[in-house]
N, C-alpha and C. Protein backbone atom coordinates (compact mmCIF):
# COMPACT_ATOMS: atom_id res chain seq x y z
N MET A 1 20.57 -4.95 11.57
CA MET A 1 19.16 -4.82 11.91
C MET A 1 18.40 -4.12 10.79
N ASN A 2 18.98 -3.06 10.25
CA ASN A 2 18.34 -2.30 9.18
C ASN A 2 18.15 -3.17 7.93
N GLN A 3 19.15 -3.99 7.62
CA GLN A 3 19.06 -4.89 6.46
C GLN A 3 17.92 -5.89 6.65
N MET A 4 17.74 -6.35 7.89
CA MET A 4 16.68 -7.31 8.18
C MET A 4 15.31 -6.67 7.99
N ASN A 5 15.14 -5.43 8.45
CA ASN A 5 13.87 -4.71 8.26
C ASN A 5 13.59 -4.50 6.78
N PHE A 6 14.63 -4.16 6.04
CA PHE A 6 14.47 -3.95 4.60
C PHE A 6 14.01 -5.22 3.92
N GLU A 7 14.63 -6.34 4.28
CA GLU A 7 14.25 -7.61 3.66
C GLU A 7 12.85 -8.05 4.07
N GLU A 8 12.48 -7.79 5.31
CA GLU A 8 11.11 -8.10 5.74
C GLU A 8 10.10 -7.25 4.97
N HIS A 9 10.44 -5.99 4.76
CA HIS A 9 9.58 -5.09 4.00
C HIS A 9 9.42 -5.59 2.56
N LYS A 10 10.53 -5.98 1.95
CA LYS A 10 10.48 -6.50 0.57
C LYS A 10 9.64 -7.77 0.50
N LEU A 11 9.81 -8.65 1.48
CA LEU A 11 9.05 -9.89 1.52
C LEU A 11 7.55 -9.60 1.66
N THR A 12 7.21 -8.65 2.49
CA THR A 12 5.81 -8.26 2.66
C THR A 12 5.25 -7.71 1.36
N GLN A 13 6.02 -6.86 0.68
CA GLN A 13 5.58 -6.31 -0.60
C GLN A 13 5.36 -7.41 -1.62
N MET A 14 6.29 -8.34 -1.69
CA MET A 14 6.18 -9.42 -2.67
C MET A 14 4.97 -10.32 -2.37
N SER A 15 4.70 -10.57 -1.10
CA SER A 15 3.54 -11.40 -0.78
C SER A 15 2.24 -10.66 -1.10
N ARG A 16 2.22 -9.35 -0.91
CA ARG A 16 1.04 -8.56 -1.29
C ARG A 16 0.83 -8.60 -2.80
N ARG A 17 1.91 -8.46 -3.54
CA ARG A 17 1.81 -8.53 -5.01
C ARG A 17 1.31 -9.89 -5.46
N ALA A 18 1.83 -10.94 -4.84
CA ALA A 18 1.39 -12.29 -5.20
C ALA A 18 -0.09 -12.46 -4.92
N GLU A 19 -0.55 -11.96 -3.78
CA GLU A 19 -1.98 -12.05 -3.43
C GLU A 19 -2.82 -11.26 -4.43
N LEU A 20 -2.36 -10.09 -4.82
CA LEU A 20 -3.09 -9.28 -5.80
C LEU A 20 -3.16 -10.00 -7.15
N GLN A 21 -2.05 -10.59 -7.57
CA GLN A 21 -2.04 -11.33 -8.84
C GLN A 21 -2.96 -12.53 -8.78
N ARG A 22 -2.98 -13.22 -7.64
CA ARG A 22 -3.88 -14.35 -7.46
C ARG A 22 -5.33 -13.90 -7.56
N TYR A 23 -5.65 -12.78 -6.93
CA TYR A 23 -7.00 -12.24 -6.98
C TYR A 23 -7.38 -11.86 -8.41
N ARG A 24 -6.47 -11.17 -9.11
CA ARG A 24 -6.74 -10.77 -10.49
C ARG A 24 -6.96 -11.99 -11.38
N PHE A 25 -6.13 -13.00 -11.20
CA PHE A 25 -6.27 -14.21 -12.01
C PHE A 25 -7.62 -14.87 -11.76
N ASN A 26 -8.00 -15.02 -10.49
CA ASN A 26 -9.27 -15.65 -10.16
C ASN A 26 -10.45 -14.84 -10.70
N THR A 27 -10.37 -13.53 -10.60
CA THR A 27 -11.43 -12.67 -11.13
C THR A 27 -11.54 -12.82 -12.63
N MET A 28 -10.41 -12.81 -13.31
CA MET A 28 -10.41 -12.94 -14.76
C MET A 28 -10.93 -14.32 -15.18
N ALA A 29 -10.53 -15.34 -14.46
CA ALA A 29 -10.99 -16.69 -14.79
C ALA A 29 -12.50 -16.79 -14.62
N GLN A 30 -13.04 -16.21 -13.57
CA GLN A 30 -14.48 -16.25 -13.34
C GLN A 30 -15.24 -15.45 -14.39
N SER A 31 -14.71 -14.29 -14.77
CA SER A 31 -15.42 -13.46 -15.75
C SER A 31 -15.37 -14.07 -17.14
N ASN A 32 -14.37 -14.87 -17.44
CA ASN A 32 -14.25 -15.47 -18.77
C ASN A 32 -14.78 -16.90 -18.82
N LEU A 33 -15.39 -17.35 -17.74
CA LEU A 33 -15.84 -18.73 -17.67
C LEU A 33 -16.83 -19.07 -18.77
N HIS A 34 -17.80 -18.21 -19.01
CA HIS A 34 -18.82 -18.46 -20.03
C HIS A 34 -18.77 -17.41 -21.14
N ALA A 35 -17.64 -16.79 -21.32
CA ALA A 35 -17.52 -15.72 -22.31
C ALA A 35 -17.33 -16.29 -23.71
N THR A 36 -17.91 -15.58 -24.67
CA THR A 36 -17.72 -15.94 -26.07
C THR A 36 -16.51 -15.18 -26.59
N PRO A 37 -15.95 -15.60 -27.71
CA PRO A 37 -14.84 -14.85 -28.28
C PRO A 37 -15.21 -13.40 -28.59
N GLU A 38 -16.44 -13.18 -29.03
CA GLU A 38 -16.88 -11.82 -29.35
C GLU A 38 -16.93 -10.95 -28.10
N ALA A 39 -17.40 -11.52 -27.01
CA ALA A 39 -17.46 -10.77 -25.75
C ALA A 39 -16.06 -10.46 -25.24
N SER A 40 -15.15 -11.39 -25.42
CA SER A 40 -13.76 -11.16 -25.00
C SER A 40 -13.12 -10.04 -25.81
N ILE A 41 -13.38 -10.02 -27.09
CA ILE A 41 -12.84 -8.96 -27.96
C ILE A 41 -13.43 -7.61 -27.57
N GLU A 42 -14.72 -7.58 -27.29
CA GLU A 42 -15.37 -6.34 -26.87
C GLU A 42 -14.78 -5.84 -25.56
N ARG A 43 -14.52 -6.74 -24.64
CA ARG A 43 -13.92 -6.38 -23.36
C ARG A 43 -12.51 -5.80 -23.57
N LEU A 44 -11.74 -6.41 -24.46
CA LEU A 44 -10.40 -5.91 -24.77
C LEU A 44 -10.47 -4.51 -25.38
N LYS A 45 -11.46 -4.27 -26.24
CA LYS A 45 -11.63 -2.94 -26.84
C LYS A 45 -11.94 -1.91 -25.76
N GLN A 46 -12.80 -2.26 -24.82
CA GLN A 46 -13.13 -1.34 -23.73
C GLN A 46 -11.90 -1.05 -22.87
N ASP A 47 -11.14 -2.08 -22.57
CA ASP A 47 -9.92 -1.89 -21.79
C ASP A 47 -8.93 -1.00 -22.52
N ALA A 48 -8.82 -1.17 -23.83
CA ALA A 48 -7.91 -0.35 -24.63
C ALA A 48 -8.35 1.11 -24.62
N GLU A 49 -9.65 1.36 -24.66
CA GLU A 49 -10.15 2.74 -24.60
C GLU A 49 -9.81 3.39 -23.27
N VAL A 50 -9.98 2.65 -22.19
CA VAL A 50 -9.66 3.18 -20.86
C VAL A 50 -8.17 3.49 -20.75
N LEU A 51 -7.35 2.57 -21.22
CA LEU A 51 -5.90 2.80 -21.17
C LEU A 51 -5.48 3.98 -22.04
N GLN A 52 -6.15 4.16 -23.16
CA GLN A 52 -5.84 5.30 -24.03
C GLN A 52 -6.16 6.61 -23.32
N ILE A 53 -7.26 6.65 -22.58
CA ILE A 53 -7.61 7.85 -21.82
C ILE A 53 -6.56 8.11 -20.75
N VAL A 54 -6.15 7.06 -20.06
CA VAL A 54 -5.14 7.22 -19.01
C VAL A 54 -3.85 7.77 -19.59
N VAL A 55 -3.43 7.22 -20.71
CA VAL A 55 -2.16 7.65 -21.32
C VAL A 55 -2.26 9.06 -21.87
N SER A 56 -3.38 9.40 -22.48
CA SER A 56 -3.48 10.71 -23.13
C SER A 56 -3.82 11.84 -22.17
N GLU A 57 -4.51 11.55 -21.06
CA GLU A 57 -4.94 12.62 -20.16
C GLU A 57 -4.24 12.61 -18.81
N ARG A 58 -4.16 11.47 -18.18
CA ARG A 58 -3.64 11.44 -16.81
C ARG A 58 -2.12 11.49 -16.75
N LEU A 59 -1.45 10.71 -17.60
CA LEU A 59 0.01 10.65 -17.53
C LEU A 59 0.66 12.01 -17.81
N PRO A 60 0.24 12.76 -18.83
CA PRO A 60 0.88 14.06 -19.02
C PRO A 60 0.75 14.97 -17.81
N TYR A 61 -0.40 14.95 -17.15
CA TYR A 61 -0.58 15.77 -15.95
C TYR A 61 0.34 15.31 -14.83
N GLN A 62 0.46 14.01 -14.64
CA GLN A 62 1.34 13.49 -13.60
C GLN A 62 2.79 13.83 -13.89
N ILE A 63 3.19 13.74 -15.15
CA ILE A 63 4.56 14.11 -15.53
C ILE A 63 4.79 15.59 -15.26
N TYR A 64 3.80 16.42 -15.59
CA TYR A 64 3.91 17.86 -15.32
C TYR A 64 4.10 18.12 -13.83
N GLU A 65 3.31 17.45 -12.99
CA GLU A 65 3.41 17.64 -11.55
C GLU A 65 4.78 17.21 -11.01
N VAL A 66 5.30 16.11 -11.51
CA VAL A 66 6.62 15.64 -11.06
C VAL A 66 7.70 16.64 -11.50
N ASN A 67 7.63 17.12 -12.73
CA ASN A 67 8.61 18.10 -13.21
C ASN A 67 8.54 19.39 -12.40
N ARG A 68 7.34 19.81 -12.05
CA ARG A 68 7.17 21.02 -11.25
C ARG A 68 7.81 20.85 -9.87
N SER A 69 7.61 19.69 -9.27
CA SER A 69 8.22 19.42 -7.96
C SER A 69 9.74 19.37 -8.07
N LEU A 70 10.23 18.75 -9.14
CA LEU A 70 11.69 18.68 -9.33
C LEU A 70 12.30 20.06 -9.51
N MET A 71 11.61 20.92 -10.24
CA MET A 71 12.12 22.29 -10.43
C MET A 71 12.19 23.03 -9.09
N ALA A 72 11.16 22.87 -8.26
CA ALA A 72 11.16 23.53 -6.95
C ALA A 72 12.29 22.99 -6.08
N MET A 73 12.50 21.69 -6.12
CA MET A 73 13.58 21.09 -5.33
C MET A 73 14.95 21.52 -5.85
N SER A 74 15.06 21.68 -7.16
CA SER A 74 16.33 22.13 -7.74
C SER A 74 16.65 23.54 -7.27
N LYS A 75 15.64 24.40 -7.17
CA LYS A 75 15.86 25.76 -6.70
C LYS A 75 16.35 25.76 -5.26
N VAL A 76 15.80 24.87 -4.45
CA VAL A 76 16.25 24.77 -3.06
C VAL A 76 17.69 24.28 -3.01
N GLU A 77 18.02 23.35 -3.89
CA GLU A 77 19.39 22.83 -3.91
C GLU A 77 20.38 23.90 -4.35
N GLU A 78 19.99 24.70 -5.35
CA GLU A 78 20.89 25.75 -5.85
C GLU A 78 21.10 26.85 -4.81
N ASN A 79 20.05 27.23 -4.13
CA ASN A 79 20.11 28.28 -3.11
C ASN A 79 19.58 27.71 -1.80
N PRO A 80 20.42 27.04 -1.04
CA PRO A 80 19.95 26.42 0.21
C PRO A 80 19.31 27.46 1.14
N PRO A 81 18.20 27.10 1.75
CA PRO A 81 17.52 28.04 2.64
C PRO A 81 18.31 28.26 3.93
N ILE A 82 18.17 29.45 4.46
CA ILE A 82 18.85 29.77 5.70
C ILE A 82 17.92 29.50 6.89
N GLY A 83 16.68 29.86 6.73
CA GLY A 83 15.71 29.65 7.82
C GLY A 83 14.43 29.05 7.30
N ARG A 84 13.51 28.83 8.22
CA ARG A 84 12.23 28.22 7.87
C ARG A 84 11.42 29.11 6.93
N MET A 85 11.51 30.41 7.10
CA MET A 85 10.76 31.34 6.26
C MET A 85 11.20 31.26 4.80
N ASP A 86 12.44 30.87 4.56
CA ASP A 86 12.93 30.74 3.19
C ASP A 86 12.27 29.56 2.47
N LEU A 87 11.80 28.60 3.24
CA LEU A 87 11.20 27.40 2.64
C LEU A 87 9.71 27.55 2.33
N GLU A 88 9.04 28.50 2.92
CA GLU A 88 7.59 28.65 2.75
C GLU A 88 7.15 28.74 1.28
N PRO A 89 7.74 29.62 0.46
CA PRO A 89 7.27 29.69 -0.93
C PRO A 89 7.52 28.40 -1.69
N THR A 90 8.61 27.73 -1.43
CA THR A 90 8.92 26.48 -2.11
C THR A 90 8.01 25.37 -1.64
N ALA A 91 7.69 25.31 -0.37
CA ALA A 91 6.81 24.28 0.16
C ALA A 91 5.43 24.36 -0.48
N LEU A 92 4.98 25.54 -0.78
CA LEU A 92 3.67 25.71 -1.43
C LEU A 92 3.68 25.18 -2.85
N LYS A 93 4.81 25.22 -3.51
CA LYS A 93 4.92 24.72 -4.88
C LYS A 93 4.98 23.21 -4.95
N VAL A 94 5.54 22.59 -3.93
CA VAL A 94 5.70 21.14 -3.91
C VAL A 94 4.46 20.55 -3.37
């Protein structure tokens, strides 16, 4: 039964991805319908600038947050809590 739920979940995810890709393709096709090569190049430059900002600003912060959570979880693993009160300081960090 569990395997069946897992496969249904995967199938649902894949159909959502396919629908998203279909939507992206249709949107891109419509936006490029009357586009000139110069406009397409300008659009690519703008997209590259946005991606550069994401890579230089957002990803390092996300990596920092994940590492911070991993460190807190490692401390819990090294010294397993005895009661709920032992988890309070760690829960605030995660």
